[in-house]
Amino acid sequence: MEVDYSKIGQHIARRRKDLRLTQAKVAELCNISDQYLSNIERAVSIPSTEVIMRLAAALDTTPDEFLVGTSRQEGEEWKNVAELLRNMDPKHLALAKSLLEWLSEQPLS
């Protein structure tokens, strides 16, 4: 099986953009240069396993999201909600918490 570094780079870029992070910020978190990250995303450079692991940690996911395009497992729907909460300001988070507390008290029919 041949590794498609172009797809890996696309998956990394998609995840970074979904989190609204710049290449510079992710590179800083991973202790790599932003040029190297750009090269990885464009499949100009091939990342080591260590760099893939650092990118996964910085982008709050698992390496399989980069390698196969998804890290979602059945029963992990809460991660979708967590991603929505990630960029909320404190007022929106407080409102979301209140809504979730109320919702958790409602009976399911």
C-alpha atoms as a PDB file:
ATOM      1  CA  MET A   1       0.000   0.000   0.000  1.00  0.00           C
ATOM      2  CA  GLU A   2       1.431   3.350  -1.040  1.00  0.00           C
ATOM      3  CA  VAL A   3       1.181   6.309   1.353  1.00  0.00           C
ATOM      4  CA  ASP A   4      -0.531   9.350  -0.172  1.00  0.00           C
ATOM      5  CA  TYR A   5       1.295  12.298   1.420  1.00  0.00           C
ATOM      6  CA  SER A   6      -0.869  14.709  -0.530  1.00  0.00           C
ATOM      7  CA  LYS A   7      -3.975  13.384   1.266  1.00  0.00           C
ATOM      8  CA  ILE A   8      -2.184  13.485   4.629  1.00  0.00           C
ATOM      9  CA  GLY A   9      -1.277  17.123   4.022  1.00  0.00           C
ATOM     10  CA  GLN A  10      -4.849  17.927   3.017  1.00  0.00           C
ATOM     11  CA  HIS A  11      -6.198  16.285   6.182  1.00  0.00           C
ATOM     12  CA  ILE A  12      -3.771  18.227   8.372  1.00  0.00           C
ATOM     13  CA  ALA A  13      -4.681  21.513   6.653  1.00  0.00           C
ATOM     14  CA  ARG A  14      -8.412  20.790   6.934  1.00  0.00           C
ATOM     15  CA  ARG A  15      -8.165  20.049  10.650  1.00  0.00           C
ATOM     16  CA  ARG A  16      -6.057  23.162  11.254  1.00  0.00           C
ATOM     17  CA  LYS A  17      -8.534  25.330   9.363  1.00  0.00           C
ATOM     18  CA  ASP A  18     -11.508  23.737  11.145  1.00  0.00           C
ATOM     19  CA  LEU A  19      -9.912  24.846  14.402  1.00  0.00           C
ATOM     20  CA  ARG A  20      -9.222  28.298  12.937  1.00  0.00           C
ATOM     21  CA  LEU A  21      -5.504  28.033  13.624  1.00  0.00           C
ATOM     22  CA  THR A  22      -2.761  29.553  11.517  1.00  0.00           C
ATOM     23  CA  GLN A  23       0.164  27.570  10.222  1.00  0.00           C
ATOM     24  CA  ALA A  24       2.417  29.719  12.404  1.00  0.00           C
ATOM     25  CA  LYS A  25       0.469  28.870  15.576  1.00  0.00           C
ATOM     26  CA  VAL A  26       0.396  25.123  14.862  1.00  0.00           C
ATOM     27  CA  ALA A  27       4.067  25.136  13.931  1.00  0.00           C
ATOM     28  CA  GLU A  28       4.873  26.886  17.205  1.00  0.00           C
ATOM     29  CA  LEU A  29       2.870  24.300  19.172  1.00  0.00           C
ATOM     30  CA  CYS A  30       4.739  21.495  17.375  1.00  0.00           C
ATOM     31  CA  ASN A  31       8.171  23.102  17.606  1.00  0.00           C
ATOM     32  CA  ILE A  32       8.594  23.069  13.825  1.00  0.00           C
ATOM     33  CA  SER A  33       8.884  25.936  11.353  1.00  0.00           C
ATOM     34  CA  ASP A  34       5.784  27.277   9.670  1.00  0.00           C
ATOM     35  CA  GLN A  35       7.537  26.715   6.321  1.00  0.00           C
ATOM     36  CA  TYR A  36       7.952  23.023   7.179  1.00  0.00           C
ATOM     37  CA  LEU A  37       4.253  22.783   8.086  1.00  0.00           C
ATOM     38  CA  SER A  38       3.363  24.483   4.808  1.00  0.00           C
ATOM     39  CA  ASN A  39       5.540  21.953   2.981  1.00  0.00           C
ATOM     40  CA  ILE A  40       3.823  19.069   4.798  1.00  0.00           C
ATOM     41  CA  GLU A  41       0.370  20.403   3.920  1.00  0.00           C
ATOM     42  CA  ARG A  42       1.407  20.708   0.249  1.00  0.00           C
ATOM     43  CA  ALA A  43       3.143  17.283   0.242  1.00  0.00           C
ATOM     44  CA  VAL A  44       6.504  18.873  -0.510  1.00  0.00           C
ATOM     45  CA  SER A  45       7.953  17.419   2.705  1.00  0.00           C
ATOM     46  CA  ILE A  46       7.256  14.041   4.268  1.00  0.00           C
ATOM     47  CA  PRO A  47       6.614  14.280   8.025  1.00  0.00           C
ATOM     48  CA  SER A  48       8.199  11.836  10.439  1.00  0.00           C
ATOM     49  CA  THR A  49       6.042   9.768  12.769  1.00  0.00           C
ATOM     50  CA  GLU A  50       7.113  12.051  15.602  1.00  0.00           C
ATOM     51  CA  VAL A  51       5.927  15.146  13.715  1.00  0.00           C
ATOM     52  CA  ILE A  52       2.602  13.455  12.876  1.00  0.00           C
ATOM     53  CA  MET A  53       2.173  12.733  16.601  1.00  0.00           C
ATOM     54  CA  ARG A  54       3.004  16.336  17.546  1.00  0.00           C
ATOM     55  CA  LEU A  55       0.572  17.646  14.922  1.00  0.00           C
ATOM     56  CA  ALA A  56      -2.178  15.355  16.202  1.00  0.00           C
ATOM     57  CA  ALA A  57      -1.615  16.570  19.772  1.00  0.00           C
ATOM     58  CA  ALA A  58      -1.538  20.233  18.711  1.00  0.00           C
ATOM     59  CA  LEU A  59      -4.700  19.797  16.652  1.00  0.00           C
ATOM     60  CA  ASP A  60      -6.477  17.807  19.375  1.00  0.00           C
ATOM     61  CA  THR A  61      -7.019  14.681  17.320  1.00  0.00           C
ATOM     62  CA  THR A  62      -5.428  11.339  16.600  1.00  0.00           C
ATOM     63  CA  PRO A  63      -2.948  10.495  13.831  1.00  0.00           C
ATOM     64  CA  ASP A  64      -5.550   8.382  12.028  1.00  0.00           C
ATOM     65  CA  GLU A  65      -7.453  11.533  11.139  1.00  0.00           C
ATOM     66  CA  PHE A  66      -4.446  12.559   9.052  1.00  0.00           C
ATOM     67  CA  LEU A  67      -3.685   9.096   7.723  1.00  0.00           C
ATOM     68  CA  VAL A  68      -7.200   7.944   6.798  1.00  0.00           C
ATOM     69  CA  GLY A  69      -9.219  11.144   7.020  1.00  0.00           C
ATOM     70  CA  THR A  70     -11.252  10.496  10.143  1.00  0.00           C
ATOM     71  CA  SER A  71     -10.828   9.857  13.815  1.00  0.00           C
ATOM     72  CA  ARG A  72     -14.507   9.642  14.605  1.00  0.00           C
ATOM     73  CA  GLN A  73     -15.624   6.465  16.268  1.00  0.00           C
ATOM     74  CA  GLU A  74     -19.183   5.407  17.000  1.00  0.00           C
ATOM     75  CA  GLY A  75     -20.185   6.704  20.411  1.00  0.00           C
ATOM     76  CA  GLU A  76     -17.958   9.773  20.204  1.00  0.00           C
ATOM     77  CA  GLU A  77     -20.662  12.256  19.181  1.00  0.00           C
ATOM     78  CA  TRP A  78     -19.693  14.387  22.175  1.00  0.00           C
ATOM     79  CA  LYS A  79     -16.533  15.406  20.298  1.00  0.00           C
ATOM     80  CA  ASN A  80     -18.657  17.260  17.749  1.00  0.00           C
ATOM     81  CA  VAL A  81     -20.213  19.251  20.578  1.00  0.00           C
ATOM     82  CA  ALA A  82     -16.791  19.851  22.146  1.00  0.00           C
ATOM     83  CA  GLU A  83     -15.520  21.280  18.861  1.00  0.00           C
ATOM     84  CA  LEU A  84     -18.411  23.753  18.793  1.00  0.00           C
ATOM     85  CA  LEU A  85     -17.620  24.837  22.350  1.00  0.00           C
ATOM     86  CA  ARG A  86     -13.893  25.207  21.743  1.00  0.00           C
ATOM     87  CA  ASN A  87     -13.963  28.759  20.377  1.00  0.00           C
ATOM     88  CA  MET A  88     -16.800  30.183  22.459  1.00  0.00           C
ATOM     89  CA  ASP A  89     -16.252  33.145  24.737  1.00  0.00           C
ATOM     90  CA  PRO A  90     -17.058  32.813  28.476  1.00  0.00           C
ATOM     91  CA  LYS A  91     -20.596  34.244  28.133  1.00  0.00           C
ATOM     92  CA  HIS A  92     -21.521  31.798  25.377  1.00  0.00           C
ATOM     93  CA  LEU A  93     -19.981  28.919  27.352  1.00  0.00           C
ATOM     94  CA  ALA A  94     -22.071  29.821  30.401  1.00  0.00           C
ATOM     95  CA  LEU A  95     -25.203  29.905  28.251  1.00  0.00           C
ATOM     96  CA  ALA A  96     -24.296  26.566  26.639  1.00  0.00           C
ATOM     97  CA  LYS A  97     -23.721  25.040  30.081  1.00  0.00           C
ATOM     98  CA  SER A  98     -27.124  26.243  31.288  1.00  0.00           C
ATOM     99  CA  LEU A  99     -28.785  24.830  28.185  1.00  0.00           C
ATOM    100  CA  LEU A 100     -27.031  21.467  28.585  1.00  0.00           C
ATOM    101  CA  GLU A 101     -27.981  21.286  32.286  1.00  0.00           C
ATOM    102  CA  TRP A 102     -31.611  21.972  31.409  1.00  0.00           C
ATOM    103  CA  LEU A 103     -31.529  19.500  28.530  1.00  0.00           C
ATOM    104  CA  SER A 104     -30.051  16.757  30.706  1.00  0.00           C
ATOM    105  CA  GLU A 105     -33.022  17.081  33.072  1.00  0.00           C
ATOM    106  CA  GLN A 106     -35.590  16.575  30.296  1.00  0.00           C
ATOM    107  CA  PRO A 107     -37.131  13.115  29.925  1.00  0.00           C
ATOM    108  CA  LEU A 108     -36.679  11.358  26.597  1.00  0.00           C
ATOM    109  CA  SER A 109     -39.901   9.983  25.173  1.00  0.00           C
END
